[in-house]
Amino acid sequence: MAAEANPNPTSNPTAGADAVDVAIASGTDFDGSPIPPAKLDLYHKVMGLEAGRQRSGVSNTMRSRIVRIGAKYISQAELDQMLIAADFAPLKEKEIAFYYGSK
């Protein structure tokens, strides 16, 4: 389930992992409308707090991102097996409840 890289990232400015970051940096939503300053200010305040948070390690962060994003696209059983195959911890009960409980 490998994603192919977009050979021309400007062809679809709303696709890709950094599309939202690019839009936020420009202060413009995908539809061309300006993002209200109050929303940008709050976003930057919260992201500043997050930037100062001590990290527990790259592997832990990778696993968290895989679970958070993977749960949107991959079934619980498949994601669990993929985690195990990559030598990550399997899905935890609280992750299953949060990401798959209401599906």
N, C-alpha and C. Protein backbone atom coordinates (compact mmCIF):
# COMPACT_ATOMS: atom_id res chain seq x y z
N MET A 1 0.83 -1.18 0.00
CA MET A 1 0.00 0.00 0.00
C MET A 1 0.88 1.24 0.00
N ALA A 2 1.80 1.32 -0.94
CA ALA A 2 2.70 2.45 -1.04
C ALA A 2 2.06 3.57 -1.85
N ALA A 3 2.21 4.77 -1.34
CA ALA A 3 1.67 5.93 -2.05
C ALA A 3 2.72 6.40 -3.04
N GLU A 4 2.27 6.76 -4.22
CA GLU A 4 3.17 7.26 -5.23
C GLU A 4 3.38 8.75 -5.02
N ALA A 5 4.59 9.20 -5.19
CA ALA A 5 4.89 10.61 -5.07
C ALA A 5 4.27 11.36 -6.24
N ASN A 6 3.77 12.52 -5.96
CA ASN A 6 3.19 13.36 -7.00
C ASN A 6 4.34 14.00 -7.78
N PRO A 7 4.50 13.68 -9.07
CA PRO A 7 5.63 14.21 -9.83
C PRO A 7 5.58 15.72 -10.02
N ASN A 8 4.40 16.30 -9.92
CA ASN A 8 4.25 17.74 -10.07
C ASN A 8 3.38 18.25 -8.93
N PRO A 9 4.00 18.55 -7.78
CA PRO A 9 3.20 18.91 -6.61
C PRO A 9 2.34 20.14 -6.80
N THR A 10 2.66 21.00 -7.75
CA THR A 10 1.85 22.20 -7.96
C THR A 10 0.59 21.89 -8.74
N SER A 11 0.49 20.68 -9.30
CA SER A 11 -0.70 20.34 -10.09
C SER A 11 -1.93 20.16 -9.20
N ASN A 12 -1.75 19.86 -7.94
CA ASN A 12 -2.87 19.72 -7.02
C ASN A 12 -2.45 20.29 -5.67
N PRO A 13 -2.65 21.59 -5.47
CA PRO A 13 -2.18 22.21 -4.23
C PRO A 13 -2.92 21.76 -2.98
N THR A 14 -3.99 20.98 -3.11
CA THR A 14 -4.71 20.51 -1.92
C THR A 14 -4.33 19.08 -1.56
N ALA A 15 -3.36 18.49 -2.24
CA ALA A 15 -2.96 17.11 -1.96
C ALA A 15 -1.57 17.10 -1.33
N GLY A 16 -1.31 16.05 -0.61
CA GLY A 16 0.01 15.88 -0.02
C GLY A 16 0.04 16.26 1.44
N ALA A 17 1.07 15.77 2.09
CA ALA A 17 1.19 15.95 3.53
C ALA A 17 1.37 17.39 3.96
N ASP A 18 1.96 18.22 3.11
CA ASP A 18 2.22 19.59 3.52
C ASP A 18 1.26 20.62 2.93
N ALA A 19 0.22 20.18 2.23
CA ALA A 19 -0.71 21.11 1.58
C ALA A 19 -1.35 22.08 2.58
N VAL A 20 -1.74 21.57 3.72
CA VAL A 20 -2.38 22.43 4.73
C VAL A 20 -1.36 23.42 5.29
N ASP A 21 -0.13 22.95 5.53
CA ASP A 21 0.90 23.84 6.05
C ASP A 21 1.20 24.98 5.06
N VAL A 22 1.25 24.66 3.78
CA VAL A 22 1.49 25.68 2.75
C VAL A 22 0.35 26.69 2.75
N ALA A 23 -0.88 26.21 2.84
CA ALA A 23 -2.04 27.11 2.86
C ALA A 23 -2.02 28.00 4.10
N ILE A 24 -1.70 27.42 5.25
CA ILE A 24 -1.64 28.21 6.48
C ILE A 24 -0.56 29.29 6.37
N ALA A 25 0.61 28.90 5.86
CA ALA A 25 1.71 29.86 5.72
C ALA A 25 1.33 31.02 4.80
N SER A 26 0.53 30.74 3.79
CA SER A 26 0.11 31.80 2.87
C SER A 26 -1.10 32.57 3.41
N GLY A 27 -1.77 32.01 4.43
CA GLY A 27 -2.96 32.65 4.99
C GLY A 27 -4.17 32.55 4.09
N THR A 28 -4.13 31.58 3.18
CA THR A 28 -5.21 31.42 2.20
C THR A 28 -5.74 30.00 2.20
N ASP A 29 -7.05 29.85 2.29
CA ASP A 29 -7.68 28.52 2.27
C ASP A 29 -7.62 27.97 0.85
N PHE A 30 -7.93 26.69 0.70
CA PHE A 30 -7.87 26.03 -0.60
C PHE A 30 -8.80 26.66 -1.63
N ASP A 31 -9.88 27.27 -1.17
CA ASP A 31 -10.81 27.90 -2.12
C ASP A 31 -10.40 29.32 -2.48
N GLY A 32 -9.25 29.77 -1.99
CA GLY A 32 -8.75 31.09 -2.30
C GLY A 32 -9.13 32.17 -1.31
N SER A 33 -10.02 31.85 -0.38
CA SER A 33 -10.45 32.84 0.60
C SER A 33 -9.39 32.99 1.69
N PRO A 34 -9.29 34.19 2.27
CA PRO A 34 -8.31 34.39 3.34
C PRO A 34 -8.75 33.65 4.61
N ILE A 35 -7.76 33.13 5.31
CA ILE A 35 -8.03 32.49 6.61
C ILE A 35 -8.13 33.63 7.63
N PRO A 36 -9.22 33.70 8.40
CA PRO A 36 -9.38 34.79 9.37
C PRO A 36 -8.21 34.87 10.34
N PRO A 37 -7.74 36.10 10.64
CA PRO A 37 -6.60 36.28 11.54
C PRO A 37 -6.78 35.60 12.90
N ALA A 38 -7.99 35.60 13.45
CA ALA A 38 -8.20 34.96 14.76
C ALA A 38 -7.92 33.47 14.70
N LYS A 39 -8.30 32.83 13.59
CA LYS A 39 -8.02 31.40 13.43
C LYS A 39 -6.53 31.16 13.28
N LEU A 40 -5.85 31.99 12.49
CA LEU A 40 -4.41 31.85 12.31
C LEU A 40 -3.67 32.08 13.63
N ASP A 41 -4.09 33.11 14.37
CA ASP A 41 -3.44 33.41 15.65
C ASP A 41 -3.56 32.25 16.63
N LEU A 42 -4.77 31.69 16.75
CA LEU A 42 -4.97 30.57 17.66
C LEU A 42 -4.15 29.36 17.21
N TYR A 43 -4.16 29.08 15.93
CA TYR A 43 -3.38 27.97 15.40
C TYR A 43 -1.90 28.14 15.75
N HIS A 44 -1.35 29.31 15.49
CA HIS A 44 0.06 29.56 15.76
C HIS A 44 0.37 29.49 17.26
N LYS A 45 -0.54 29.93 18.09
CA LYS A 45 -0.34 29.86 19.54
C LYS A 45 -0.25 28.39 19.98
N VAL A 46 -1.20 27.57 19.53
CA VAL A 46 -1.22 26.16 19.92
C VAL A 46 -0.01 25.42 19.33
N MET A 47 0.33 25.70 18.08
CA MET A 47 1.49 25.03 17.46
C MET A 47 2.78 25.45 18.16
N GLY A 48 2.84 26.69 18.66
CA GLY A 48 4.00 27.12 19.44
C GLY A 48 4.15 26.33 20.72
N LEU A 49 3.03 26.05 21.35
CA LEU A 49 3.06 25.21 22.56
C LEU A 49 3.53 23.80 22.22
N GLU A 50 3.03 23.27 21.13
CA GLU A 50 3.42 21.92 20.70
C GLU A 50 4.90 21.86 20.34
N ALA A 51 5.41 22.92 19.73
CA ALA A 51 6.82 22.96 19.33
C ALA A 51 7.75 22.86 20.53
N GLY A 52 7.27 23.33 21.68
CA GLY A 52 8.09 23.29 22.89
C GLY A 52 7.98 22.00 23.68
N ARG A 53 7.13 21.09 23.24
CA ARG A 53 6.91 19.84 23.99
C ARG A 53 8.08 18.88 23.78
N GLN A 54 8.56 18.31 24.87
CA GLN A 54 9.62 17.31 24.80
C GLN A 54 9.10 16.05 24.10
N ARG A 55 9.85 15.54 23.18
CA ARG A 55 9.47 14.34 22.44
C ARG A 55 10.01 13.09 23.12
N SER A 56 9.29 11.99 22.94
CA SER A 56 9.70 10.73 23.58
C SER A 56 10.57 9.88 22.67
N GLY A 57 10.71 10.24 21.44
CA GLY A 57 11.56 9.49 20.52
C GLY A 57 10.94 9.43 19.14
N VAL A 58 11.77 9.26 18.15
CA VAL A 58 11.31 9.25 16.77
C VAL A 58 10.41 8.06 16.50
N SER A 59 10.78 6.89 16.99
CA SER A 59 9.97 5.69 16.75
C SER A 59 8.56 5.85 17.31
N ASN A 60 8.45 6.41 18.51
CA ASN A 60 7.13 6.61 19.12
C ASN A 60 6.30 7.59 18.30
N THR A 61 6.94 8.65 17.82
CA THR A 61 6.23 9.63 17.02
C THR A 61 5.81 9.03 15.67
N MET A 62 6.70 8.26 15.07
CA MET A 62 6.35 7.60 13.80
C MET A 62 5.13 6.70 13.99
N ARG A 63 5.14 5.90 15.06
CA ARG A 63 4.03 4.99 15.31
C ARG A 63 2.73 5.77 15.52
N SER A 64 2.80 6.84 16.29
CA SER A 64 1.61 7.66 16.54
C SER A 64 1.02 8.21 15.24
N ARG A 65 1.90 8.69 14.37
CA ARG A 65 1.43 9.24 13.10
C ARG A 65 0.86 8.14 12.21
N ILE A 66 1.51 6.99 12.20
CA ILE A 66 1.01 5.86 11.40
C ILE A 66 -0.39 5.48 11.85
N VAL A 67 -0.59 5.38 13.16
CA VAL A 67 -1.89 4.98 13.70
C VAL A 67 -2.93 6.06 13.40
N ARG A 68 -2.61 7.31 13.69
CA ARG A 68 -3.57 8.40 13.52
C ARG A 68 -4.00 8.54 12.06
N ILE A 69 -3.06 8.48 11.16
CA ILE A 69 -3.39 8.66 9.75
C ILE A 69 -3.83 7.35 9.11
N GLY A 70 -3.16 6.26 9.45
CA GLY A 70 -3.49 4.96 8.88
C GLY A 70 -4.91 4.51 9.18
N ALA A 71 -5.40 4.86 10.36
CA ALA A 71 -6.76 4.46 10.75
C ALA A 71 -7.82 5.05 9.83
N LYS A 72 -7.49 6.13 9.14
CA LYS A 72 -8.44 6.74 8.20
C LYS A 72 -8.59 5.91 6.93
N TYR A 73 -7.56 5.12 6.60
CA TYR A 73 -7.52 4.45 5.31
C TYR A 73 -7.43 2.92 5.38
N ILE A 74 -7.00 2.40 6.52
CA ILE A 74 -6.68 0.98 6.63
C ILE A 74 -7.54 0.34 7.70
N SER A 75 -8.02 -0.86 7.45
CA SER A 75 -8.85 -1.55 8.43
C SER A 75 -8.05 -1.83 9.70
N GLN A 76 -8.76 -1.99 10.79
CA GLN A 76 -8.12 -2.25 12.09
C GLN A 76 -7.21 -3.47 12.02
N ALA A 77 -7.71 -4.57 11.50
CA ALA A 77 -6.92 -5.81 11.45
C ALA A 77 -5.68 -5.64 10.57
N GLU A 78 -5.84 -4.97 9.44
CA GLU A 78 -4.71 -4.79 8.53
C GLU A 78 -3.66 -3.85 9.14
N LEU A 79 -4.11 -2.76 9.74
CA LEU A 79 -3.17 -1.82 10.36
C LEU A 79 -2.43 -2.50 11.51
N ASP A 80 -3.13 -3.27 12.30
CA ASP A 80 -2.51 -3.99 13.41
C ASP A 80 -1.41 -4.92 12.89
N GLN A 81 -1.70 -5.67 11.85
CA GLN A 81 -0.71 -6.58 11.27
C GLN A 81 0.47 -5.81 10.66
N MET A 82 0.19 -4.68 10.03
CA MET A 82 1.26 -3.87 9.45
C MET A 82 2.19 -3.33 10.54
N LEU A 83 1.61 -2.88 11.65
CA LEU A 83 2.42 -2.40 12.77
C LEU A 83 3.33 -3.50 13.30
N ILE A 84 2.75 -4.66 13.52
CA ILE A 84 3.52 -5.80 14.05
C ILE A 84 4.63 -6.19 13.07
N ALA A 85 4.31 -6.24 11.78
CA ALA A 85 5.30 -6.62 10.77
C ALA A 85 6.46 -5.63 10.71
N ALA A 86 6.20 -4.37 11.03
CA ALA A 86 7.24 -3.34 11.02
C ALA A 86 7.93 -3.22 12.38
N ASP A 87 7.62 -4.14 13.29
CA ASP A 87 8.23 -4.17 14.63
C ASP A 87 7.82 -2.99 15.51
N PHE A 88 6.59 -2.51 15.29
CA PHE A 88 5.98 -1.54 16.20
C PHE A 88 5.03 -2.31 17.12
N ALA A 89 4.66 -1.68 18.22
CA ALA A 89 3.66 -2.28 19.11
C ALA A 89 2.33 -2.35 18.38
N PRO A 90 1.55 -3.41 18.63
CA PRO A 90 0.22 -3.50 18.00
C PRO A 90 -0.70 -2.40 18.53
N LEU A 91 -1.85 -2.27 17.89
CA LEU A 91 -2.84 -1.29 18.33
C LEU A 91 -3.22 -1.54 19.78
N LYS A 92 -3.34 -0.45 20.53
CA LYS A 92 -3.76 -0.52 21.92
C LYS A 92 -5.28 -0.43 21.97
N GLU A 93 -5.85 -0.96 23.04
CA GLU A 93 -7.32 -0.93 23.18
C GLU A 93 -7.88 0.49 23.07
N LYS A 94 -7.21 1.47 23.68
CA LYS A 94 -7.71 2.85 23.63
C LYS A 94 -7.63 3.41 22.21
N GLU A 95 -6.63 2.99 21.43
CA GLU A 95 -6.53 3.43 20.04
C GLU A 95 -7.65 2.80 19.21
N ILE A 96 -7.90 1.53 19.44
CA ILE A 96 -8.98 0.84 18.72
C ILE A 96 -10.31 1.52 19.02
N ALA A 97 -10.56 1.79 20.29
CA ALA A 97 -11.81 2.44 20.68
C ALA A 97 -11.94 3.83 20.06
N PHE A 98 -10.85 4.59 20.07
CA PHE A 98 -10.91 5.94 19.55
C PHE A 98 -11.02 5.98 18.03
N TYR A 99 -10.19 5.23 17.34
CA TYR A 99 -10.14 5.31 15.88
C TYR A 99 -11.13 4.40 15.18
N TYR A 100 -11.50 3.30 15.80
CA TYR A 100 -12.37 2.34 15.12
C TYR A 100 -13.69 2.10 15.84
N GLY A 101 -13.87 2.65 17.03
CA GLY A 101 -15.05 2.37 17.84
C GLY A 101 -16.37 2.79 17.22
N SER A 102 -16.39 3.90 16.52
CA SER A 102 -17.67 4.40 15.99
C SER A 102 -17.87 4.05 14.52
N LYS A 103 -17.03 3.20 13.98
CA LYS A 103 -17.14 2.86 12.54
C LYS A 103 -18.02 1.66 12.35
